[in-house]
C-alpha cells in the first residue's frame, strides 16, 4: 500500500505544483503514519494543515474531521479513484 500511496502523493504534488506555478511560496505534501491511517499534510508558508487521511489497509481517502481524526464517509480510493482531490484538499 505504501508504494501506491507514494505514487498518489507524487501525483497530488505535481497537480499542486502545476496549479501554483506562478505562486511565490511552494506547497509541500508530507506523509505522517498513524496506527490506522496515513495523515497527508499540506505545508504552506511553514503552516501545516491536514490534506486528507488514507486508510492503511484499503487505500480509502477520507476528509479530515480534525488534526487527529478523519470524517466519516469515503471520498475516494488511491487505487480505484485517484483523482478525487484539488490543490486545497479532498
N, C-alpha and C. Protein backbone atom coordinates (compact mmCIF):
# COMPACT_ATOMS: atom_id res chain seq x y z
N UNK A 1 0.82 -1.20 0.00
CA UNK A 1 0.00 0.00 0.00
C UNK A 1 0.87 1.27 0.00
N UNK A 2 2.03 1.18 0.63
CA UNK A 2 2.89 2.36 0.71
C UNK A 2 3.39 2.79 -0.67
N UNK A 3 3.64 1.82 -1.56
CA UNK A 3 4.08 2.17 -2.92
C UNK A 3 2.99 2.94 -3.67
N UNK A 4 1.73 2.47 -3.55
CA UNK A 4 0.62 3.16 -4.19
C UNK A 4 0.43 4.55 -3.61
N UNK A 5 0.58 4.66 -2.28
CA UNK A 5 0.44 5.96 -1.63
C UNK A 5 1.53 6.92 -2.09
N UNK A 6 2.74 6.44 -2.19
CA UNK A 6 3.85 7.28 -2.65
C UNK A 6 3.59 7.79 -4.06
N UNK A 7 3.08 6.92 -4.94
CA UNK A 7 2.75 7.33 -6.30
C UNK A 7 1.63 8.37 -6.31
N UNK A 8 0.62 8.14 -5.47
CA UNK A 8 -0.51 9.06 -5.39
C UNK A 8 -0.07 10.42 -4.87
N UNK A 9 0.80 10.43 -3.85
CA UNK A 9 1.32 11.68 -3.29
C UNK A 9 2.08 12.45 -4.36
N UNK A 10 2.85 11.75 -5.18
CA UNK A 10 3.59 12.41 -6.26
C UNK A 10 2.62 13.06 -7.26
N UNK A 11 1.52 12.36 -7.59
CA UNK A 11 0.52 12.93 -8.49
C UNK A 11 -0.12 14.17 -7.89
N UNK A 12 -0.45 14.11 -6.59
CA UNK A 12 -1.04 15.26 -5.91
C UNK A 12 -0.07 16.43 -5.91
N UNK A 13 1.20 16.15 -5.58
CA UNK A 13 2.22 17.21 -5.54
C UNK A 13 2.40 17.83 -6.92
N UNK A 14 2.43 17.00 -7.96
CA UNK A 14 2.56 17.52 -9.33
C UNK A 14 1.37 18.41 -9.70
N UNK A 15 0.17 17.98 -9.31
CA UNK A 15 -1.04 18.76 -9.59
C UNK A 15 -0.99 20.13 -8.89
N UNK A 16 -0.59 20.11 -7.63
CA UNK A 16 -0.48 21.36 -6.86
C UNK A 16 0.58 22.27 -7.46
N UNK A 17 1.72 21.69 -7.83
CA UNK A 17 2.79 22.49 -8.44
C UNK A 17 2.33 23.13 -9.75
N UNK A 18 1.56 22.37 -10.53
CA UNK A 18 1.05 22.88 -11.81
C UNK A 18 0.07 24.04 -11.59
N UNK A 19 -0.79 23.92 -10.60
CA UNK A 19 -1.78 24.96 -10.32
C UNK A 19 -1.14 26.21 -9.72
N UNK A 20 -0.05 26.04 -8.98
CA UNK A 20 0.59 27.15 -8.29
C UNK A 20 1.91 27.55 -8.94
N UNK A 21 2.01 27.42 -10.24
CA UNK A 21 3.28 27.66 -10.94
C UNK A 21 3.78 29.09 -10.76
N UNK A 22 2.89 30.06 -10.67
CA UNK A 22 3.30 31.46 -10.52
C UNK A 22 3.27 31.94 -9.08
N UNK A 23 3.03 31.03 -8.16
CA UNK A 23 2.90 31.41 -6.76
C UNK A 23 4.29 31.50 -6.12
N UNK A 24 4.56 32.51 -5.30
CA UNK A 24 5.90 32.68 -4.73
C UNK A 24 6.25 31.68 -3.62
N UNK A 25 5.25 31.09 -2.98
CA UNK A 25 5.53 30.16 -1.90
C UNK A 25 5.16 28.74 -2.32
N UNK A 26 6.08 27.80 -2.19
CA UNK A 26 5.77 26.43 -2.58
C UNK A 26 4.85 25.74 -1.55
N UNK A 27 4.10 24.79 -2.03
CA UNK A 27 3.26 23.94 -1.19
C UNK A 27 3.90 22.56 -1.18
N UNK A 28 4.06 21.99 0.00
CA UNK A 28 4.68 20.67 0.12
C UNK A 28 3.68 19.71 0.75
N UNK A 29 3.59 18.51 0.18
CA UNK A 29 2.73 17.46 0.71
C UNK A 29 3.62 16.45 1.43
N UNK A 30 3.25 16.14 2.69
CA UNK A 30 4.03 15.20 3.50
C UNK A 30 3.12 14.10 4.02
N UNK A 31 3.73 12.99 4.43
CA UNK A 31 3.00 11.85 4.98
C UNK A 31 3.41 11.65 6.43
N UNK A 32 2.40 11.44 7.28
CA UNK A 32 2.63 11.08 8.68
C UNK A 32 1.89 9.77 8.92
N UNK A 33 2.59 8.75 9.39
CA UNK A 33 1.98 7.44 9.58
C UNK A 33 1.41 7.31 10.98
N UNK A 34 0.15 6.91 11.03
CA UNK A 34 -0.52 6.64 12.30
C UNK A 34 -0.82 5.16 12.42
N UNK A 35 -1.59 4.81 13.42
CA UNK A 35 -1.91 3.41 13.66
C UNK A 35 -2.83 2.84 12.57
N UNK A 36 -3.90 3.57 12.22
CA UNK A 36 -4.86 3.08 11.23
C UNK A 36 -4.81 3.83 9.90
N UNK A 37 -4.31 5.06 9.95
CA UNK A 37 -4.35 5.92 8.76
C UNK A 37 -3.00 6.58 8.51
N UNK A 38 -2.79 6.91 7.24
CA UNK A 38 -1.73 7.84 6.89
C UNK A 38 -2.36 9.22 6.89
N UNK A 39 -1.75 10.16 7.58
CA UNK A 39 -2.22 11.54 7.55
C UNK A 39 -1.42 12.26 6.46
N UNK A 40 -2.11 12.83 5.51
CA UNK A 40 -1.47 13.56 4.44
C UNK A 40 -1.53 15.04 4.82
N UNK A 41 -0.37 15.65 4.93
CA UNK A 41 -0.25 17.01 5.44
C UNK A 41 0.17 17.95 4.32
N UNK A 42 -0.51 19.08 4.26
CA UNK A 42 -0.19 20.13 3.28
C UNK A 42 0.52 21.25 4.03
N UNK A 43 1.77 21.52 3.64
CA UNK A 43 2.55 22.56 4.28
C UNK A 43 2.63 23.76 3.33
N UNK A 44 2.19 24.91 3.83
CA UNK A 44 2.21 26.15 3.05
C UNK A 44 2.67 27.26 3.98
N UNK A 45 3.72 27.95 3.60
CA UNK A 45 4.28 29.04 4.41
C UNK A 45 4.59 28.57 5.83
N UNK A 46 5.17 27.40 5.97
CA UNK A 46 5.54 26.81 7.25
C UNK A 46 4.35 26.57 8.17
N UNK A 47 3.16 26.43 7.62
CA UNK A 47 1.98 26.08 8.39
C UNK A 47 1.40 24.79 7.83
N UNK A 48 1.17 23.83 8.72
CA UNK A 48 0.64 22.54 8.32
C UNK A 48 -0.88 22.51 8.46
N UNK A 49 -1.53 21.84 7.52
CA UNK A 49 -2.95 21.53 7.63
C UNK A 49 -3.15 20.12 7.08
N UNK A 50 -4.21 19.48 7.51
CA UNK A 50 -4.47 18.12 7.05
C UNK A 50 -5.11 18.19 5.66
N UNK A 51 -4.46 17.56 4.71
CA UNK A 51 -4.98 17.48 3.34
C UNK A 51 -6.06 16.40 3.29
N UNK A 52 -5.76 15.23 3.88
CA UNK A 52 -6.71 14.13 3.96
C UNK A 52 -6.10 13.01 4.80
N UNK A 53 -6.86 11.96 4.99
CA UNK A 53 -6.38 10.74 5.62
C UNK A 53 -6.53 9.62 4.61
N UNK A 54 -5.63 8.63 4.66
CA UNK A 54 -5.71 7.46 3.79
C UNK A 54 -5.67 6.22 4.67
N UNK A 55 -6.66 5.35 4.52
CA UNK A 55 -6.73 4.11 5.28
C UNK A 55 -5.55 3.22 4.87
N UNK A 56 -4.83 2.72 5.85
CA UNK A 56 -3.62 1.95 5.59
C UNK A 56 -3.90 0.59 4.96
N UNK A 57 -5.08 0.02 5.18
CA UNK A 57 -5.35 -1.32 4.65
C UNK A 57 -6.07 -1.29 3.30
N UNK A 58 -6.97 -0.33 3.09
CA UNK A 58 -7.78 -0.32 1.88
C UNK A 58 -7.39 0.75 0.86
N UNK A 59 -6.71 1.80 1.31
CA UNK A 59 -6.37 2.91 0.42
C UNK A 59 -7.48 3.91 0.27
N UNK A 60 -8.54 3.79 1.09
CA UNK A 60 -9.65 4.74 1.03
C UNK A 60 -9.20 6.12 1.50
N UNK A 61 -9.69 7.14 0.80
CA UNK A 61 -9.36 8.53 1.11
C UNK A 61 -10.49 9.12 1.93
N UNK A 62 -10.14 9.75 3.04
CA UNK A 62 -11.13 10.34 3.92
C UNK A 62 -10.79 11.80 4.18
N UNK A 63 -11.81 12.64 4.20
CA UNK A 63 -11.63 14.04 4.54
C UNK A 63 -11.29 14.16 6.02
N UNK A 64 -10.58 15.20 6.39
CA UNK A 64 -10.21 15.40 7.79
C UNK A 64 -11.38 15.96 8.59
N UNK A 65 -11.60 15.40 9.77
CA UNK A 65 -12.57 15.95 10.72
C UNK A 65 -11.85 16.90 11.67
N UNK A 66 -10.62 16.55 12.00
CA UNK A 66 -9.77 17.38 12.85
C UNK A 66 -8.33 17.04 12.51
N UNK A 67 -7.41 17.62 13.25
CA UNK A 67 -6.00 17.32 13.03
C UNK A 67 -5.71 15.84 13.29
N UNK A 68 -6.45 15.23 14.20
CA UNK A 68 -6.17 13.86 14.62
C UNK A 68 -7.07 12.79 14.03
N UNK A 69 -8.20 13.16 13.45
CA UNK A 69 -9.12 12.11 13.02
C UNK A 69 -9.81 12.45 11.69
N UNK A 70 -10.15 11.40 10.92
CA UNK A 70 -10.87 11.61 9.67
C UNK A 70 -12.37 11.74 9.91
N UNK A 71 -13.04 12.34 8.95
CA UNK A 71 -14.50 12.42 8.97
C UNK A 71 -15.07 11.12 8.44
N UNK A 72 -16.34 10.90 8.73
CA UNK A 72 -17.00 9.70 8.19
C UNK A 72 -17.24 9.87 6.70
N UNK A 73 -17.28 8.76 6.02
CA UNK A 73 -17.57 8.78 4.60
C UNK A 73 -16.32 8.76 3.75
N UNK A 74 -16.27 7.81 2.87
CA UNK A 74 -15.12 7.65 1.98
C UNK A 74 -15.27 8.61 0.81
N UNK A 75 -14.21 9.33 0.50
CA UNK A 75 -14.22 10.32 -0.60
C UNK A 75 -13.62 9.77 -1.88
N UNK A 76 -12.94 8.64 -1.79
CA UNK A 76 -12.30 8.06 -2.96
C UNK A 76 -11.34 6.98 -2.51
N UNK A 77 -10.52 6.53 -3.44
CA UNK A 77 -9.53 5.50 -3.15
C UNK A 77 -8.30 5.80 -3.99
N UNK A 78 -7.12 5.64 -3.40
CA UNK A 78 -5.88 5.99 -4.12
C UNK A 78 -5.62 5.05 -5.30
N UNK A 79 -6.30 3.90 -5.33
CA UNK A 79 -6.09 2.95 -6.42
C UNK A 79 -7.20 3.04 -7.46
N UNK A 80 -8.47 3.02 -7.00
CA UNK A 80 -9.59 2.96 -7.95
C UNK A 80 -10.10 4.33 -8.40
N UNK A 81 -9.98 5.35 -7.57
CA UNK A 81 -10.41 6.71 -7.96
C UNK A 81 -9.39 7.72 -7.46
N UNK A 82 -8.20 7.72 -8.05
CA UNK A 82 -7.10 8.53 -7.52
C UNK A 82 -7.22 10.04 -7.75
N UNK A 83 -8.12 10.50 -8.61
CA UNK A 83 -8.17 11.93 -8.96
C UNK A 83 -9.26 12.69 -8.23
N UNK A 84 -9.55 12.33 -7.00
CA UNK A 84 -10.64 12.98 -6.26
C UNK A 84 -10.10 14.05 -5.31
N UNK A 85 -9.27 14.93 -5.81
CA UNK A 85 -8.67 15.97 -4.98
C UNK A 85 -8.54 17.25 -5.78
N UNK A 86 -8.31 18.33 -5.08
CA UNK A 86 -7.94 19.59 -5.71
C UNK A 86 -6.70 20.09 -4.99
N UNK A 87 -6.22 21.26 -5.32
CA UNK A 87 -4.99 21.73 -4.70
C UNK A 87 -5.16 22.08 -3.22
N UNK A 88 -6.40 22.16 -2.75
CA UNK A 88 -6.64 22.51 -1.35
C UNK A 88 -6.97 21.32 -0.46
N UNK A 89 -7.28 20.19 -1.03
CA UNK A 89 -7.60 19.01 -0.24
C UNK A 89 -8.67 18.17 -0.91
N UNK A 90 -9.31 17.38 -0.11
CA UNK A 90 -10.32 16.44 -0.60
C UNK A 90 -11.69 17.07 -0.51
